[in-house]
């Protein structure tokens, strides 16, 4: 049990655990991490109480089997079972509870990721979650699928975790999915100024910034700041003038860069479709090939080999 406590204290924060049961206990723990995000798979076949100091991170718990009972923070007390996903506690609060023969997943993400994809609250404070349970089953299921995808196809691959554009895109997708699933403080009501700011000059500033910085791990908030507008106004401008989103336009620009790199690659240099795709933020070969064929009429391998 001392080894378990040491691992959890190092992986999370200083904590205290107690347990019941002696013979035949099973403890399995696995962590995969990339900058700003970690995903842990934990499996305890016994009952264990925990008390955790503030993590400074958003801690999402997804239960596969068993029960996380009486998870408590700042007057909130709740129990989670198979299929549930919940916020264990806000980043700045301690929490406690009991693990009852549970196999579960804990995803930790830096709170600043929320500010990369949404406007801050009207008071100017950072974007924060205001509820510990998702507001809809559909949004919760989408978040769970994304966490599993990131765990199995991005964070578990050391080579992909070395690619800044892949890491940035994955973290932003996770933050956006969290905001889609949970109540939050980000400004969502359209402001009159946002609509006024969604003019062609805003679009020109934004697309120029994207063109100049497509090779860097930029965020939607970065693009909005470069255009001197809010994230909402930026989204309105792209929808109004291009019928797309800033993120989709950024992917299209990066696809064009990958296209040019495939065309200019010389035989014998060791260039591969996968290598070029991941360098430009496309970590799924099949999706990259489909997007490439839709844009250029051929598979990327055809371009590379001609």
Protein backbone atom coordinates (compact mmCIF):
# COMPACT_ATOMS: atom_id res chain seq x y z
CA UNK A 1 0.00 0.00 0.00
CA UNK A 2 2.95 2.32 0.62
CA UNK A 3 4.01 1.98 -3.03
CA UNK A 4 0.48 2.86 -4.17
CA UNK A 5 0.41 5.93 -1.95
CA UNK A 6 3.83 7.06 -3.19
CA UNK A 7 2.82 6.68 -6.84
CA UNK A 8 -0.46 8.53 -6.41
CA UNK A 9 1.19 11.29 -4.36
CA UNK A 10 3.78 11.83 -7.09
CA UNK A 11 1.26 11.57 -9.93
CA UNK A 12 -1.31 13.91 -8.39
CA UNK A 13 -0.53 15.79 -5.19
CA UNK A 14 0.15 14.98 -1.57
CA UNK A 15 -2.60 12.62 -0.47
CA UNK A 16 -3.52 10.18 2.25
CA UNK A 17 -5.18 6.83 1.58
CA UNK A 18 -6.56 4.06 3.71
CA UNK A 19 -7.85 0.65 2.69
CA UNK A 20 -9.77 -2.39 3.80
CA UNK A 21 -8.90 -5.93 2.74
CA UNK A 22 -5.60 -7.78 2.91
CA UNK A 23 -5.09 -10.95 0.94
CA UNK A 24 -5.44 -10.94 -2.82
CA UNK A 25 -5.49 -7.20 -3.31
CA UNK A 26 -4.82 -5.91 -6.82
CA UNK A 27 -3.45 -2.52 -7.77
CA UNK A 28 -2.88 -1.52 -11.39
CA UNK A 29 -1.84 1.96 -12.44
CA UNK A 30 -0.73 3.31 -15.82
CA UNK A 31 -0.03 6.91 -16.80
CA UNK A 32 0.34 8.41 -20.27
CA UNK A 33 1.10 12.10 -20.54
CA UNK A 34 1.79 14.90 -22.96
CA UNK A 35 2.26 18.61 -22.18
CA UNK A 36 -0.78 19.97 -20.28
CA UNK A 37 -2.68 16.63 -20.32
CA UNK A 38 -2.28 13.25 -18.66
CA UNK A 39 -4.52 10.18 -18.75
CA UNK A 40 -4.29 7.55 -16.01
CA UNK A 41 -5.89 4.12 -15.93
CA UNK A 42 -6.37 2.89 -12.35
CA UNK A 43 -7.70 -0.43 -11.06
CA UNK A 44 -8.18 -1.27 -7.35
CA UNK A 45 -10.09 -4.42 -6.36
CA UNK A 46 -10.48 -3.26 -2.76
CA UNK A 47 -12.01 -0.34 -0.90
CA UNK A 48 -9.76 2.68 -0.45
CA UNK A 49 -10.45 6.10 0.98
CA UNK A 50 -8.57 9.13 -0.31
CA UNK A 51 -7.97 12.73 0.67
CA UNK A 52 -6.24 14.90 -1.96
CA UNK A 53 -4.77 18.38 -1.67
CA UNK A 54 -5.55 20.85 -4.52
CA UNK A 55 -4.06 19.63 -7.80
CA UNK A 56 -4.02 22.92 -9.68
CA UNK A 57 -5.54 20.97 -12.58
CA UNK A 58 -8.96 19.90 -13.77
CA UNK A 59 -9.45 16.29 -12.69
CA UNK A 60 -12.01 14.31 -14.71
CA UNK A 61 -12.99 10.83 -13.55
CA UNK A 62 -14.50 8.27 -15.92
CA UNK A 63 -15.68 5.08 -14.19
CA UNK A 64 -15.46 1.74 -16.02
CA UNK A 65 -16.36 -0.67 -13.18
CA UNK A 66 -17.15 -0.31 -9.49
CA UNK A 67 -17.91 2.91 -7.63
CA UNK A 68 -16.27 6.18 -6.68
CA UNK A 69 -18.29 6.93 -3.56
CA UNK A 70 -18.90 10.13 -1.61
CA UNK A 71 -16.50 12.27 -3.61
CA UNK A 72 -16.62 15.52 -1.68
CA UNK A 73 -15.38 19.06 -2.23
CA UNK A 74 -16.59 22.41 -0.88
CA UNK A 75 -20.00 21.12 0.16
CA UNK A 76 -20.56 19.01 -2.97
CA UNK A 77 -20.91 15.26 -2.38
CA UNK A 78 -21.65 12.74 -5.12
CA UNK A 79 -21.13 9.09 -6.09
CA UNK A 80 -20.21 7.83 -9.57
CA UNK A 81 -20.73 4.43 -11.17
CA UNK A 82 -19.99 2.68 -14.47
CA UNK A 83 -20.40 5.00 -17.45
CA UNK A 84 -20.24 8.20 -15.42
CA UNK A 85 -17.78 10.99 -16.11
CA UNK A 86 -17.44 13.83 -13.62
CA UNK A 87 -15.21 16.60 -12.33
CA UNK A 88 -13.68 15.36 -9.06
CA UNK A 89 -12.94 18.91 -7.89
CA UNK A 90 -12.01 22.37 -9.18
CA UNK A 91 -8.24 22.95 -9.51
CA UNK A 92 -7.94 25.00 -6.33
CA UNK A 93 -9.92 22.82 -3.91
CA UNK A 94 -9.08 19.67 -1.94
CA UNK A 95 -11.35 16.65 -2.24
CA UNK A 96 -11.92 13.25 -0.65
CA UNK A 97 -13.93 10.09 -1.14
CA UNK A 98 -13.81 6.31 -1.44
CA UNK A 99 -12.78 3.91 -4.20
CA UNK A 100 -14.90 0.74 -3.99
CA UNK A 101 -13.44 -2.02 -6.14
CA UNK A 102 -13.08 0.42 -9.00
CA UNK A 103 -11.51 0.43 -12.45
CA UNK A 104 -11.51 3.98 -13.67
CA UNK A 105 -9.79 6.67 -15.67
CA UNK A 106 -8.51 10.04 -14.43
CA UNK A 107 -7.75 12.73 -16.98
CA UNK A 108 -5.85 15.79 -15.75
CA UNK A 109 -5.63 18.95 -17.81
CA UNK A 110 -4.25 22.40 -17.13
CA UNK A 111 -7.10 24.89 -16.56
CA UNK A 112 -5.49 27.43 -18.91
CA UNK A 113 -6.46 25.18 -21.84
CA UNK A 114 -10.05 26.37 -21.44
CA UNK A 115 -8.95 29.94 -22.15
CA UNK A 116 -7.35 28.81 -25.41
CA UNK A 117 -10.72 27.92 -26.94
CA UNK A 118 -13.25 30.27 -25.31
CA UNK A 119 -13.77 33.84 -24.16
CA UNK A 120 -13.32 34.55 -20.45
CA UNK A 121 -16.29 35.36 -18.28
CA UNK A 122 -17.60 38.94 -18.37
CA UNK A 123 -15.67 39.83 -15.20
CA UNK A 124 -12.44 39.01 -17.00
CA UNK A 125 -11.60 36.01 -14.83
CA UNK A 126 -10.33 32.73 -16.28
CA UNK A 127 -12.75 30.27 -17.83
CA UNK A 128 -13.80 27.72 -15.21
CA UNK A 129 -16.23 24.84 -14.87
CA UNK A 130 -19.28 25.69 -12.75
CA UNK A 131 -20.72 22.18 -12.39
CA UNK A 132 -19.25 18.77 -11.64
CA UNK A 133 -21.54 16.66 -13.86
CA UNK A 134 -22.08 16.98 -17.64
CA UNK A 135 -25.26 18.75 -18.70
CA UNK A 136 -26.17 16.14 -21.34
CA UNK A 137 -25.52 12.48 -22.01
CA UNK A 138 -24.61 13.15 -25.63
CA UNK A 139 -21.91 15.68 -24.73
CA UNK A 140 -20.61 13.37 -21.99
CA UNK A 141 -20.37 10.46 -24.42
CA UNK A 142 -18.52 12.60 -26.95
CA UNK A 143 -16.04 13.68 -24.27
CA UNK A 144 -15.49 10.07 -23.19
CA UNK A 145 -14.82 8.99 -26.78
CA UNK A 146 -12.32 11.81 -27.24
CA UNK A 147 -10.45 10.92 -24.05
CA UNK A 148 -10.19 7.29 -25.15
CA UNK A 149 -8.99 8.39 -28.59
CA UNK A 150 -6.32 10.69 -27.14
CA UNK A 151 -5.22 7.97 -24.73
CA UNK A 152 -4.96 5.22 -27.34
CA UNK A 153 -3.80 7.13 -30.42
CA UNK A 154 -1.88 10.22 -29.27
CA UNK A 155 -0.69 10.27 -25.66
CA UNK A 156 0.44 6.63 -25.70
CA UNK A 157 2.66 7.28 -28.74
CA UNK A 158 5.96 8.96 -27.70
CA UNK A 159 6.67 9.98 -31.31
CA UNK A 160 3.37 11.85 -31.63
CA UNK A 161 3.90 13.54 -28.27
CA UNK A 162 7.06 15.06 -29.77
CA UNK A 163 5.02 16.80 -32.48
CA UNK A 164 3.96 20.28 -31.25
CA UNK A 165 1.06 20.67 -33.68
CA UNK A 166 -0.41 17.27 -32.80
CA UNK A 167 -0.11 17.99 -29.07
CA UNK A 168 -1.63 21.46 -29.42
CA UNK A 169 -4.54 20.25 -31.55
CA UNK A 170 -5.27 17.36 -29.19
CA UNK A 171 -5.22 19.59 -26.10
CA UNK A 172 -7.52 22.15 -27.73
CA UNK A 173 -9.96 19.45 -28.86
CA UNK A 174 -10.07 18.12 -25.30
CA UNK A 175 -10.65 21.60 -23.83
CA UNK A 176 -13.43 22.33 -26.32
CA UNK A 177 -15.07 18.97 -25.59
CA UNK A 178 -14.90 19.62 -21.82
CA UNK A 179 -16.60 22.99 -22.30
CA UNK A 180 -19.23 21.35 -24.50
CA UNK A 181 -19.96 18.78 -21.78
CA UNK A 182 -19.87 20.76 -18.52
CA UNK A 183 -21.50 23.98 -17.30
CA UNK A 184 -18.92 26.75 -17.40
CA UNK A 185 -18.30 30.46 -16.96
CA UNK A 186 -17.16 31.26 -20.50
CA UNK A 187 -19.16 33.92 -22.27
CA UNK A 188 -21.55 32.24 -24.70
CA UNK A 189 -24.26 34.85 -25.21
CA UNK A 190 -23.59 36.86 -28.36
CA UNK A 191 -22.68 40.48 -27.70
CA UNK A 192 -23.64 43.26 -30.09
CA UNK A 193 -19.96 44.19 -30.42
CA UNK A 194 -19.06 40.68 -31.51
CA UNK A 195 -21.39 40.92 -34.48
CA UNK A 196 -20.03 44.34 -35.37
CA UNK A 197 -16.45 43.05 -35.15
CA UNK A 198 -17.16 40.12 -37.49
CA UNK A 199 -16.28 42.16 -40.56
CA UNK A 200 -13.94 41.47 -43.46
CA UNK A 201 -11.01 43.30 -41.82
CA UNK A 202 -11.18 40.92 -38.89
CA UNK A 203 -11.12 37.99 -41.30
CA UNK A 204 -8.12 39.41 -43.19
CA UNK A 205 -6.14 39.93 -39.99
CA UNK A 206 -7.02 36.43 -38.77
CA UNK A 207 -6.17 34.63 -42.02
CA UNK A 208 -2.91 36.57 -42.33
CA UNK A 209 -1.94 35.49 -38.81
CA UNK A 210 -2.83 31.87 -39.62
CA UNK A 211 -0.79 31.98 -42.83
CA UNK A 212 2.24 33.36 -40.97
CA UNK A 213 2.02 31.02 -37.97
CA UNK A 214 0.54 27.77 -39.33
CA UNK A 215 3.73 25.89 -38.48
CA UNK A 216 3.40 26.88 -34.80
CA UNK A 217 1.07 25.46 -32.10
CA UNK A 218 -1.32 28.42 -32.18
CA UNK A 219 -4.72 28.48 -30.51
CA UNK A 220 -8.08 30.02 -31.35
CA UNK A 221 -7.42 32.58 -28.61
CA UNK A 222 -4.10 33.48 -30.27
CA UNK A 223 -5.86 34.08 -33.60
CA UNK A 224 -8.55 36.21 -31.95
CA UNK A 225 -5.94 38.29 -30.14
CA UNK A 226 -4.05 38.87 -33.39
CA UNK A 227 -7.29 40.05 -35.00
CA UNK A 228 -8.06 42.29 -31.98
CA UNK A 229 -11.44 40.67 -31.32
CA UNK A 230 -13.03 38.12 -29.01
CA UNK A 231 -13.16 34.42 -29.82
CA UNK A 232 -16.89 34.77 -30.46
CA UNK A 233 -16.37 37.62 -32.94
CA UNK A 234 -13.66 35.60 -34.66
CA UNK A 235 -16.00 32.63 -35.02
CA UNK A 236 -18.75 34.87 -36.38
CA UNK A 237 -16.36 36.37 -38.95
CA UNK A 238 -15.28 32.99 -40.29
CA UNK A 239 -18.85 31.69 -40.38
CA UNK A 240 -20.19 34.83 -42.04
CA UNK A 241 -17.53 35.24 -44.73
CA UNK A 242 -16.14 31.72 -45.31
CA UNK A 243 -18.86 29.45 -43.87
CA UNK A 244 -16.29 27.64 -41.76
CA UNK A 245 -14.55 27.88 -38.38
CA UNK A 246 -11.10 29.25 -37.46
CA UNK A 247 -9.95 25.76 -36.50
CA UNK A 248 -11.16 24.23 -39.78
CA UNK A 249 -9.45 27.00 -41.75
CA UNK A 250 -6.21 26.42 -39.85
CA UNK A 251 -6.41 22.70 -40.70
CA UNK A 252 -6.96 23.58 -44.37
CA UNK A 253 -3.89 25.86 -44.40
CA UNK A 254 -1.80 23.13 -42.77
CA UNK A 255 -3.11 20.63 -45.31
CA UNK A 256 -1.89 22.97 -48.07
CA UNK A 257 1.55 23.11 -46.44
CA UNK A 258 1.64 19.32 -46.27
CA UNK A 259 0.67 19.23 -49.95
CA UNK A 260 3.54 21.51 -50.91
CA UNK A 261 5.97 19.48 -48.83
CA UNK A 262 4.82 16.24 -50.45
CA UNK A 263 5.27 17.78 -53.91
CA UNK A 264 8.76 19.07 -53.17
CA UNK A 265 10.06 15.92 -51.42
CA UNK A 266 12.89 14.28 -53.35
CA UNK A 267 13.29 10.51 -53.73
CA UNK A 268 15.89 9.05 -51.42
CA UNK A 269 15.45 11.60 -48.64
CA UNK A 270 13.37 9.22 -46.54
CA UNK A 271 10.31 11.47 -46.61
CA UNK A 272 7.05 9.64 -45.81
CA UNK A 273 3.41 10.59 -45.97
CA UNK A 274 3.02 9.81 -42.26
CA UNK A 275 6.02 11.90 -41.29
CA UNK A 276 4.88 14.93 -43.28
CA UNK A 277 1.28 14.58 -42.09
CA UNK A 278 2.19 14.41 -38.40
CA UNK A 279 4.59 17.35 -38.75
CA UNK A 280 1.59 19.40 -39.89
CA UNK A 281 -0.66 18.17 -37.09
CA UNK A 282 -2.46 15.23 -38.77
CA UNK A 283 -1.95 12.18 -36.57
CA UNK A 284 -4.53 9.85 -38.18
CA UNK A 285 -3.25 8.60 -41.57
CA UNK A 286 -6.69 7.55 -42.80
CA UNK A 287 -8.29 10.92 -42.04
CA UNK A 288 -5.35 12.77 -43.53
CA UNK A 289 -5.61 10.68 -46.70
CA UNK A 290 -9.37 11.32 -46.95
CA UNK A 291 -8.99 15.08 -46.43
CA UNK A 292 -6.09 15.20 -48.88
CA UNK A 293 -7.98 13.31 -51.57
CA UNK A 294 -11.04 15.53 -51.11
CA UNK A 295 -8.87 18.63 -51.57
CA UNK A 296 -6.48 17.47 -54.32
CA UNK A 297 -8.18 14.55 -56.04
CA UNK A 298 -5.41 12.03 -55.35
CA UNK A 299 -3.99 10.17 -52.39
CA UNK A 300 -0.98 11.79 -50.65
CA UNK A 301 1.17 8.77 -51.58
CA UNK A 302 0.53 9.56 -55.25
CA UNK A 303 1.81 13.12 -54.80
CA UNK A 304 4.88 11.94 -52.89
CA UNK A 305 5.83 9.36 -55.51
CA UNK A 306 5.37 11.47 -58.65
